[in-house]
PDB file of N, CA and C in Angstrom:
ATOM      1  N   MET A   1      -7.954   6.978  14.935  1.00  0.00           N
ATOM      2  CA  MET A   1      -6.755   6.476  14.301  1.00  0.00           C
ATOM      3  C   MET A   1      -5.730   7.612  14.244  1.00  0.00           C
ATOM      4  N   PRO A   2      -4.492   7.342  14.607  1.00  0.00           N
ATOM      5  CA  PRO A   2      -3.483   8.394  14.560  1.00  0.00           C
ATOM      6  C   PRO A   2      -3.238   8.862  13.123  1.00  0.00           C
ATOM      7  N   GLN A   3      -2.915  10.117  12.974  1.00  0.00           N
ATOM      8  CA  GLN A   3      -2.692  10.697  11.657  1.00  0.00           C
ATOM      9  C   GLN A   3      -1.584   9.967  10.904  1.00  0.00           C
ATOM     10  N   SER A   4      -0.641   9.394  11.611  1.00  0.00           N
ATOM     11  CA  SER A   4       0.451   8.668  10.949  1.00  0.00           C
ATOM     12  C   SER A   4      -0.045   7.442  10.193  1.00  0.00           C
ATOM     13  N   ASN A   5      -1.259   6.987  10.485  1.00  0.00           N
ATOM     14  CA  ASN A   5      -1.838   5.832   9.793  1.00  0.00           C
ATOM     15  C   ASN A   5      -2.835   6.224   8.703  1.00  0.00           C
ATOM     16  N   TRP A   6      -3.035   7.499   8.468  1.00  0.00           N
ATOM     17  CA  TRP A   6      -3.987   7.943   7.453  1.00  0.00           C
ATOM     18  C   TRP A   6      -3.479   7.625   6.054  1.00  0.00           C
ATOM     19  N   ASN A   7      -4.407   7.351   5.163  1.00  0.00           N
ATOM     20  CA  ASN A   7      -4.095   7.158   3.749  1.00  0.00           C
ATOM     21  C   ASN A   7      -4.284   8.503   3.053  1.00  0.00           C
ATOM     22  N   PHE A   8      -3.193   9.174   2.786  1.00  0.00           N
ATOM     23  CA  PHE A   8      -3.268  10.520   2.228  1.00  0.00           C
ATOM     24  C   PHE A   8      -3.642  10.536   0.753  1.00  0.00           C
ATOM     25  N   LEU A   9      -3.893   9.380   0.160  1.00  0.00           N
ATOM     26  CA  LEU A   9      -4.410   9.315  -1.203  1.00  0.00           C
ATOM     27  C   LEU A   9      -5.903   9.034  -1.226  1.00  0.00           C
ATOM     28  N   ASP A  10      -6.520   8.914  -0.070  1.00  0.00           N
ATOM     29  CA  ASP A  10      -7.949   8.619   0.013  1.00  0.00           C
ATOM     30  C   ASP A  10      -8.760   9.885  -0.264  1.00  0.00           C
ATOM     31  N   GLN A  11      -9.614   9.823  -1.270  1.00  0.00           N
ATOM     32  CA  GLN A  11     -10.377  10.998  -1.683  1.00  0.00           C
ATOM     33  C   GLN A  11     -11.296  11.512  -0.577  1.00  0.00           C
ATOM     34  N   GLU A  12     -11.938  10.629   0.152  1.00  0.00           N
ATOM     35  CA  GLU A  12     -12.823  11.073   1.236  1.00  0.00           C
ATOM     36  C   GLU A  12     -12.037  11.785   2.334  1.00  0.00           C
ATOM     37  N   LEU A  13     -10.875  11.257   2.665  1.00  0.00           N
ATOM     38  CA  LEU A  13     -10.037  11.907   3.670  1.00  0.00           C
ATOM     39  C   LEU A  13      -9.644  13.307   3.210  1.00  0.00           C
ATOM     40  N   LEU A  14      -9.211  13.420   1.967  1.00  0.00           N
ATOM     41  CA  LEU A  14      -8.795  14.726   1.461  1.00  0.00           C
ATOM     42  C   LEU A  14      -9.947  15.721   1.436  1.00  0.00           C
ATOM     43  N   THR A  15     -11.114  15.266   1.037  1.00  0.00           N
ATOM     44  CA  THR A  15     -12.277  16.150   0.997  1.00  0.00           C
ATOM     45  C   THR A  15     -12.605  16.659   2.391  1.00  0.00           C
ATOM     46  N   TRP A  16     -12.510  15.789   3.375  1.00  0.00           N
ATOM     47  CA  TRP A  16     -12.796  16.165   4.762  1.00  0.00           C
ATOM     48  C   TRP A  16     -11.675  17.012   5.360  1.00  0.00           C
ATOM     49  N   TRP A  17     -10.425  16.630   5.083  1.00  0.00           N
ATOM     50  CA  TRP A  17      -9.276  17.198   5.782  1.00  0.00           C
ATOM     51  C   TRP A  17      -8.838  18.553   5.231  1.00  0.00           C
ATOM     52  N   MET A  18      -8.877  18.720   3.922  1.00  0.00           N
ATOM     53  CA  MET A  18      -8.326  19.926   3.320  1.00  0.00           C
ATOM     54  C   MET A  18      -9.297  21.104   3.452  1.00  0.00           C
ATOM     55  N   THR A  19      -8.917  22.067   4.266  1.00  0.00           N
ATOM     56  CA  THR A  19      -9.695  23.291   4.449  1.00  0.00           C
ATOM     57  C   THR A  19      -8.751  24.478   4.296  1.00  0.00           C
ATOM     58  N   GLU A  20      -9.297  25.654   4.241  1.00  0.00           N
ATOM     59  CA  GLU A  20      -8.449  26.848   4.166  1.00  0.00           C
ATOM     60  C   GLU A  20      -7.568  26.973   5.402  1.00  0.00           C
ATOM     61  N   GLU A  21      -8.096  26.558   6.560  1.00  0.00           N
ATOM     62  CA  GLU A  21      -7.354  26.706   7.813  1.00  0.00           C
ATOM     63  C   GLU A  21      -6.130  25.796   7.893  1.00  0.00           C
ATOM     64  N   ASN A  22      -6.199  24.607   7.325  1.00  0.00           N
ATOM     65  CA  ASN A  22      -5.069  23.677   7.450  1.00  0.00           C
ATOM     66  C   ASN A  22      -4.425  23.358   6.102  1.00  0.00           C
ATOM     67  N   PHE A  23      -4.661  24.186   5.125  1.00  0.00           N
ATOM     68  CA  PHE A  23      -4.140  23.932   3.786  1.00  0.00           C
ATOM     69  C   PHE A  23      -2.632  23.704   3.800  1.00  0.00           C
ATOM     70  N   HIS A  24      -1.891  24.517   4.542  1.00  0.00           N
ATOM     71  CA  HIS A  24      -0.430  24.389   4.562  1.00  0.00           C
ATOM     72  C   HIS A  24       0.016  23.076   5.207  1.00  0.00           C
ATOM     73  N   GLN A  25      -0.697  22.603   6.204  1.00  0.00           N
ATOM     74  CA  GLN A  25      -0.376  21.311   6.813  1.00  0.00           C
ATOM     75  C   GLN A  25      -0.580  20.190   5.798  1.00  0.00           C
ATOM     76  N   VAL A  26      -1.667  20.248   5.056  1.00  0.00           N
ATOM     77  CA  VAL A  26      -1.941  19.237   4.031  1.00  0.00           C
ATOM     78  C   VAL A  26      -0.833  19.256   2.980  1.00  0.00           C
ATOM     79  N   ILE A  27      -0.478  20.432   2.534  1.00  0.00           N
ATOM     80  CA  ILE A  27       0.569  20.559   1.518  1.00  0.00           C
ATOM     81  C   ILE A  27       1.894  20.005   2.025  1.00  0.00           C
ATOM     82  N   ASP A  28       2.241  20.266   3.270  1.00  0.00           N
ATOM     83  CA  ASP A  28       3.484  19.730   3.835  1.00  0.00           C
ATOM     84  C   ASP A  28       3.520  18.208   3.765  1.00  0.00           C
ATOM     85  N   HIS A  29       2.417  17.553   4.104  1.00  0.00           N
ATOM     86  CA  HIS A  29       2.353  16.091   4.030  1.00  0.00           C
ATOM     87  C   HIS A  29       2.503  15.607   2.593  1.00  0.00           C
ATOM     88  N   PHE A  30       1.840  16.279   1.679  1.00  0.00           N
ATOM     89  CA  PHE A  30       1.920  15.877   0.282  1.00  0.00           C
ATOM     90  C   PHE A  30       3.312  16.067  -0.294  1.00  0.00           C
ATOM     91  N   LEU A  31       3.975  17.138   0.077  1.00  0.00           N
ATOM     92  CA  LEU A  31       5.302  17.381  -0.469  1.00  0.00           C
ATOM     93  C   LEU A  31       6.280  16.283  -0.087  1.00  0.00           C
ATOM     94  N   VAL A  32       6.215  15.816   1.130  1.00  0.00           N
ATOM     95  CA  VAL A  32       7.096  14.723   1.551  1.00  0.00           C
ATOM     96  C   VAL A  32       6.834  13.486   0.701  1.00  0.00           C
ATOM     97  N   MET A  33       5.573  13.138   0.546  1.00  0.00           N
ATOM     98  CA  MET A  33       5.222  11.956  -0.236  1.00  0.00           C
ATOM     99  C   MET A  33       5.607  12.135  -1.701  1.00  0.00           C
ATOM    100  N   ARG A  34       5.296  13.282  -2.250  1.00  0.00           N
ATOM    101  CA  ARG A  34       5.559  13.511  -3.662  1.00  0.00           C
ATOM    102  C   ARG A  34       7.047  13.491  -3.969  1.00  0.00           C
ATOM    103  N   ILE A  35       7.849  14.103  -3.115  1.00  0.00           N
ATOM    104  CA  ILE A  35       9.292  14.140  -3.348  1.00  0.00           C
ATOM    105  C   ILE A  35       9.871  12.729  -3.374  1.00  0.00           C
ATOM    106  N   CYS A  36       9.310  11.851  -2.569  1.00  0.00           N
ATOM    107  CA  CYS A  36       9.813  10.480  -2.475  1.00  0.00           C
ATOM    108  C   CYS A  36       9.344   9.586  -3.624  1.00  0.00           C
ATOM    109  N   LEU A  37       8.080   9.683  -3.986  1.00  0.00           N
ATOM    110  CA  LEU A  37       7.490   8.699  -4.890  1.00  0.00           C
ATOM    111  C   LEU A  37       7.189   9.184  -6.302  1.00  0.00           C
ATOM    112  N   GLU A  38       6.745  10.391  -6.415  1.00  0.00           N
ATOM    113  CA  GLU A  38       6.188  10.844  -7.683  1.00  0.00           C
ATOM    114  C   GLU A  38       7.181  10.889  -8.848  1.00  0.00           C
ATOM    115  N   PRO A  39       8.421  11.322  -8.656  1.00  0.00           N
ATOM    116  CA  PRO A  39       9.332  11.343  -9.813  1.00  0.00           C
ATOM    117  C   PRO A  39       9.510   9.969 -10.462  1.00  0.00           C
ATOM    118  N   GLN A  40       9.638   8.942  -9.658  1.00  0.00           N
ATOM    119  CA  GLN A  40       9.781   7.592 -10.213  1.00  0.00           C
ATOM    120  C   GLN A  40       8.514   7.144 -10.927  1.00  0.00           C
ATOM    121  N   ALA A  41       7.369   7.425 -10.334  1.00  0.00           N
ATOM    122  CA  ALA A  41       6.099   7.040 -10.959  1.00  0.00           C
ATOM    123  C   ALA A  41       5.920   7.757 -12.292  1.00  0.00           C
ATOM    124  N   CYS A  42       6.275   9.034 -12.345  1.00  0.00           N
ATOM    125  CA  CYS A  42       6.160   9.788 -13.597  1.00  0.00           C
ATOM    126  C   CYS A  42       7.118   9.251 -14.657  1.00  0.00           C
ATOM    127  N   LEU A  43       8.325   8.931 -14.246  1.00  0.00           N
ATOM    128  CA  LEU A  43       9.294   8.362 -15.179  1.00  0.00           C
ATOM    129  C   LEU A  43       8.763   7.070 -15.785  1.00  0.00           C
ATOM    130  N   LEU A  44       8.247   6.207 -14.943  1.00  0.00           N
ATOM    131  CA  LEU A  44       7.708   4.943 -15.441  1.00  0.00           C
ATOM    132  C   LEU A  44       6.496   5.160 -16.337  1.00  0.00           C
ATOM    133  N   ALA A  45       5.616   6.074 -15.956  1.00  0.00           N
ATOM    134  CA  ALA A  45       4.441   6.353 -16.788  1.00  0.00           C
ATOM    135  C   ALA A  45       4.869   6.882 -18.155  1.00  0.00           C
ATOM    136  N   ALA A  46       5.900   7.714 -18.178  1.00  0.00           N
ATOM    137  CA  ALA A  46       6.364   8.297 -19.440  1.00  0.00           C
ATOM    138  C   ALA A  46       7.096   7.294 -20.313  1.00  0.00           C
ATOM    139  N   THR A  47       7.792   6.352 -19.701  1.00  0.00           N
ATOM    140  CA  THR A  47       8.609   5.432 -20.496  1.00  0.00           C
ATOM    141  C   THR A  47       7.902   4.141 -20.861  1.00  0.00           C
ATOM    142  N   VAL A  48       7.008   3.671 -20.018  1.00  0.00           N
ATOM    143  CA  VAL A  48       6.347   2.396 -20.326  1.00  0.00           C
ATOM    144  C   VAL A  48       4.839   2.522 -20.512  1.00  0.00           C
ATOM    145  N   GLY A  49       4.299   3.708 -20.327  1.00  0.00           N
ATOM    146  CA  GLY A  49       2.865   3.901 -20.510  1.00  0.00           C
ATOM    147  C   GLY A  49       2.478   3.804 -21.975  1.00  0.00           C
ATOM    148  N   THR A  50       1.261   3.369 -22.214  1.00  0.00           N
ATOM    149  CA  THR A  50       0.752   3.312 -23.584  1.00  0.00           C
ATOM    150  C   THR A  50       0.412   4.723 -24.061  1.00  0.00           C
ATOM    151  N   ALA A  51       0.225   4.871 -25.357  1.00  0.00           N
ATOM    152  CA  ALA A  51      -0.175   6.173 -25.908  1.00  0.00           C
ATOM    153  C   ALA A  51      -1.498   6.620 -25.290  1.00  0.00           C
ATOM    154  N   GLU A  52      -2.399   5.683 -25.081  1.00  0.00           N
ATOM    155  CA  GLU A  52      -3.697   6.006 -24.473  1.00  0.00           C
ATOM    156  C   GLU A  52      -3.521   6.495 -23.035  1.00  0.00           C
ATOM    157  N   GLN A  53      -2.666   5.831 -22.265  1.00  0.00           N
ATOM    158  CA  GLN A  53      -2.422   6.249 -20.884  1.00  0.00           C
ATOM    159  C   GLN A  53      -1.797   7.646 -20.835  1.00  0.00           C
ATOM    160  N   LYS A  54      -0.844   7.897 -21.725  1.00  0.00           N
ATOM    161  CA  LYS A  54      -0.196   9.210 -21.762  1.00  0.00           C
ATOM    162  C   LYS A  54      -1.191  10.301 -22.156  1.00  0.00           C
ATOM    163  N   ALA A  55      -2.058  10.005 -23.110  1.00  0.00           N
ATOM    164  CA  ALA A  55      -3.072  10.981 -23.529  1.00  0.00           C
ATOM    165  C   ALA A  55      -4.019  11.296 -22.373  1.00  0.00           C
ATOM    166  N   HIS A  56      -4.390  10.262 -21.622  1.00  0.00           N
ATOM    167  CA  HIS A  56      -5.288  10.470 -20.481  1.00  0.00           C
ATOM    168  C   HIS A  56      -4.610  11.338 -19.417  1.00  0.00           C
ATOM    169  N   LEU A  57      -3.335  11.096 -19.157  1.00  0.00           N
ATOM    170  CA  LEU A  57      -2.597  11.930 -18.202  1.00  0.00           C
ATOM    171  C   LEU A  57      -2.552  13.386 -18.671  1.00  0.00           C
ATOM    172  N   ASN A  58      -2.331  13.591 -19.965  1.00  0.00           N
ATOM    173  CA  ASN A  58      -2.308  14.957 -20.501  1.00  0.00           C
ATOM    174  C   ASN A  58      -3.660  15.643 -20.358  1.00  0.00           C
ATOM    175  N   THR A  59      -4.741  14.902 -20.580  1.00  0.00           N
ATOM    176  CA  THR A  59      -6.087  15.461 -20.422  1.00  0.00           C
ATOM    177  C   THR A  59      -6.330  15.871 -18.976  1.00  0.00           C
ATOM    178  N   LEU A  60      -5.962  15.003 -18.050  1.00  0.00           N
ATOM    179  CA  LEU A  60      -6.137  15.316 -16.632  1.00  0.00           C
ATOM    180  C   LEU A  60      -5.293  16.523 -16.222  1.00  0.00           C
ATOM    181  N   MET A  61      -4.063  16.592 -16.710  1.00  0.00           N
ATOM    182  CA  MET A  61      -3.193  17.719 -16.372  1.00  0.00           C
ATOM    183  C   MET A  61      -3.758  19.022 -16.925  1.00  0.00           C
ATOM    184  N   ALA A  62      -4.312  18.981 -18.121  1.00  0.00           N
ATOM    185  CA  ALA A  62      -4.914  20.186 -18.703  1.00  0.00           C
ATOM    186  C   ALA A  62      -6.095  20.659 -17.862  1.00  0.00           C
ATOM    187  N   GLU A  63      -6.889  19.716 -17.362  1.00  0.00           N
ATOM    188  CA  GLU A  63      -8.019  20.116 -16.516  1.00  0.00           C
ATOM    189  C   GLU A  63      -7.533  20.710 -15.197  1.00  0.00           C
ATOM    190  N   MET A  64      -6.484  20.131 -14.615  1.00  0.00           N
ATOM    191  CA  MET A  64      -5.943  20.708 -13.378  1.00  0.00           C
ATOM    192  C   MET A  64      -5.438  22.125 -13.621  1.00  0.00           C
ATOM    193  N   ALA A  65      -4.787  22.349 -14.760  1.00  0.00           N
ATOM    194  CA  ALA A  65      -4.302  23.692 -15.085  1.00  0.00           C
ATOM    195  C   ALA A  65      -5.471  24.660 -15.250  1.00  0.00           C
ATOM    196  N   ALA A  66      -6.545  24.214 -15.878  1.00  0.00           N
ATOM    197  CA  ALA A  66      -7.728  25.061 -16.054  1.00  0.00           C
ATOM    198  C   ALA A  66      -8.377  25.378 -14.710  1.00  0.00           C
ATOM    199  N   LEU A  67      -8.362  24.417 -13.801  1.00  0.00           N
ATOM    200  CA  LEU A  67      -8.953  24.635 -12.481  1.00  0.00           C
ATOM    201  C   LEU A  67      -8.174  25.665 -11.662  1.00  0.00           C
ATOM    202  N   LYS A  68      -6.935  25.896 -12.032  1.00  0.00           N
ATOM    203  CA  LYS A  68      -6.150  26.924 -11.343  1.00  0.00           C
ATOM    204  C   LYS A  68      -6.808  28.295 -11.516  1.00  0.00           C
ATOM    205  N   GLU A  69      -7.398  28.521 -12.671  1.00  0.00           N
ATOM    206  CA  GLU A  69      -8.056  29.799 -12.953  1.00  0.00           C
ATOM    207  C   GLU A  69      -9.465  29.863 -12.373  1.00  0.00           C
ATOM    208  N   ASN A  70     -10.143  28.732 -12.301  1.00  0.00           N
ATOM    209  CA  ASN A  70     -11.526  28.673 -11.807  1.00  0.00           C
ATOM    210  C   ASN A  70     -11.602  27.550 -10.775  1.00  0.00           C
ATOM    211  N   PHE A  71     -10.997  27.788  -9.613  1.00  0.00           N
ATOM    212  CA  PHE A  71     -10.808  26.731  -8.619  1.00  0.00           C
ATOM    213  C   PHE A  71     -12.128  26.256  -8.023  1.00  0.00           C
ATOM    214  N   ARG A  72     -12.317  24.936  -8.110  1.00  0.00           N
ATOM    215  CA  ARG A  72     -13.427  24.258  -7.438  1.00  0.00           C
ATOM    216  C   ARG A  72     -12.794  23.096  -6.677  1.00  0.00           C
ATOM    217  N   ARG A  73     -12.728  23.219  -5.371  1.00  0.00           N
ATOM    218  CA  ARG A  73     -11.964  22.294  -4.526  1.00  0.00           C
ATOM    219  C   ARG A  73     -12.323  20.840  -4.755  1.00  0.00           C
ATOM    220  N   GLU A  74     -13.591  20.500  -4.722  1.00  0.00           N
ATOM    221  CA  GLU A  74     -13.974  19.092  -4.863  1.00  0.00           C
ATOM    222  C   GLU A  74     -13.581  18.541  -6.228  1.00  0.00           C
ATOM    223  N   ARG A  75     -13.764  19.330  -7.291  1.00  0.00           N
ATOM    224  CA  ARG A  75     -13.382  18.856  -8.624  1.00  0.00           C
ATOM    225  C   ARG A  75     -11.866  18.742  -8.728  1.00  0.00           C
ATOM    226  N   TRP A  76     -11.135  19.705  -8.156  1.00  0.00           N
ATOM    227  CA  TRP A  76      -9.682  19.634  -8.203  1.00  0.00           C
ATOM    228  C   TRP A  76      -9.190  18.361  -7.520  1.00  0.00           C
ATOM    229  N   ILE A  77      -9.776  18.033  -6.383  1.00  0.00           N
ATOM    230  CA  ILE A  77      -9.385  16.810  -5.678  1.00  0.00           C
ATOM    231  C   ILE A  77      -9.662  15.593  -6.551  1.00  0.00           C
ATOM    232  N   GLU A  78     -10.817  15.548  -7.194  1.00  0.00           N
ATOM    233  CA  GLU A  78     -11.160  14.419  -8.070  1.00  0.00           C
ATOM    234  C   GLU A  78     -10.144  14.266  -9.201  1.00  0.00           C
ATOM    235  N   VAL A  79      -9.844  15.365  -9.876  1.00  0.00           N
ATOM    236  CA  VAL A  79      -8.935  15.308 -11.025  1.00  0.00           C
ATOM    237  C   VAL A  79      -7.514  15.000 -10.570  1.00  0.00           C
ATOM    238  N   ASP A  80      -7.076  15.637  -9.506  1.00  0.00           N
ATOM    239  CA  ASP A  80      -5.738  15.390  -8.982  1.00  0.00           C
ATOM    240  C   ASP A  80      -5.575  13.932  -8.553  1.00  0.00           C
ATOM    241  N   MET A  81      -6.582  13.410  -7.891  1.00  0.00           N
ATOM    242  CA  MET A  81      -6.531  12.002  -7.475  1.00  0.00           C
ATOM    243  C   MET A  81      -6.484  11.082  -8.690  1.00  0.00           C
ATOM    244  N   ALA A  82      -7.287  11.382  -9.694  1.00  0.00           N
ATOM    245  CA  ALA A  82      -7.292  10.554 -10.906  1.00  0.00           C
ATOM    246  C   ALA A  82      -5.921  10.578 -11.574  1.00  0.00           C
ATOM    247  N   TRP A  83      -5.299  11.750 -11.643  1.00  0.00           N
ATOM    248  CA  TRP A  83      -3.983  11.859 -12.264  1.00  0.00           C
ATOM    249  C   TRP A  83      -2.955  11.037 -11.491  1.00  0.00           C
ATOM    250  N   HIS A  84      -2.958  11.194 -10.175  1.00  0.00           N
ATOM    251  CA  HIS A  84      -1.987  10.460  -9.369  1.00  0.00           C
ATOM    252  C   HIS A  84      -2.243   8.958  -9.404  1.00  0.00           C
ATOM    253  N   GLU A  85      -3.479   8.545  -9.371  1.00  0.00           N
ATOM    254  CA  GLU A  85      -3.780   7.114  -9.489  1.00  0.00           C
ATOM    255  C   GLU A  85      -3.300   6.584 -10.836  1.00  0.00           C
ATOM    256  N   HIS A  86      -3.454   7.393 -11.869  1.00  0.00           N
ATOM    257  CA  HIS A  86      -3.084   6.956 -13.219  1.00  0.00           C
ATOM    258  C   HIS A  86      -1.570   6.812 -13.376  1.00  0.00           C
ATOM    259  N   ILE A  87      -0.779   7.683 -12.758  1.00  0.00           N
ATOM    260  CA  ILE A  87       0.675   7.535 -12.908  1.00  0.00           C
ATOM    261  C   ILE A  87       1.184   6.303 -12.168  1.00  0.00           C
ATOM    262  N   TYR A  88       0.408   5.816 -11.218  1.00  0.00           N
ATOM    263  CA  TYR A  88       0.844   4.624 -10.473  1.00  0.00           C
ATOM    264  C   TYR A  88       0.301   3.331 -11.067  1.00  0.00           C
ATOM    265  N   GLU A  89      -0.423   3.400 -12.185  1.00  0.00           N
ATOM    266  CA  GLU A  89      -0.952   2.167 -12.802  1.00  0.00           C
ATOM    267  C   GLU A  89       0.166   1.340 -13.398  1.00  0.00           C
TER     268      GLU A  89
END
């Protein structure tokens, strides 16, 4: 399947695709997507999300920040995916 048809939110794809060698390529793809979609999703999550949803987003963000100091790639992907899935609920 051509890369243009890949689902860049798929956890299995990210686990397989993201390596030290191609990290910058992965980041480039994510930046394009994030610049287009994420600000609107965050705005909606902040304005119409329930208190429980907002608390869950804060918990996930705190874990991502903690992982910056003690990076574990597979866990970071799990938490990052959960956060992004949650802002799009």
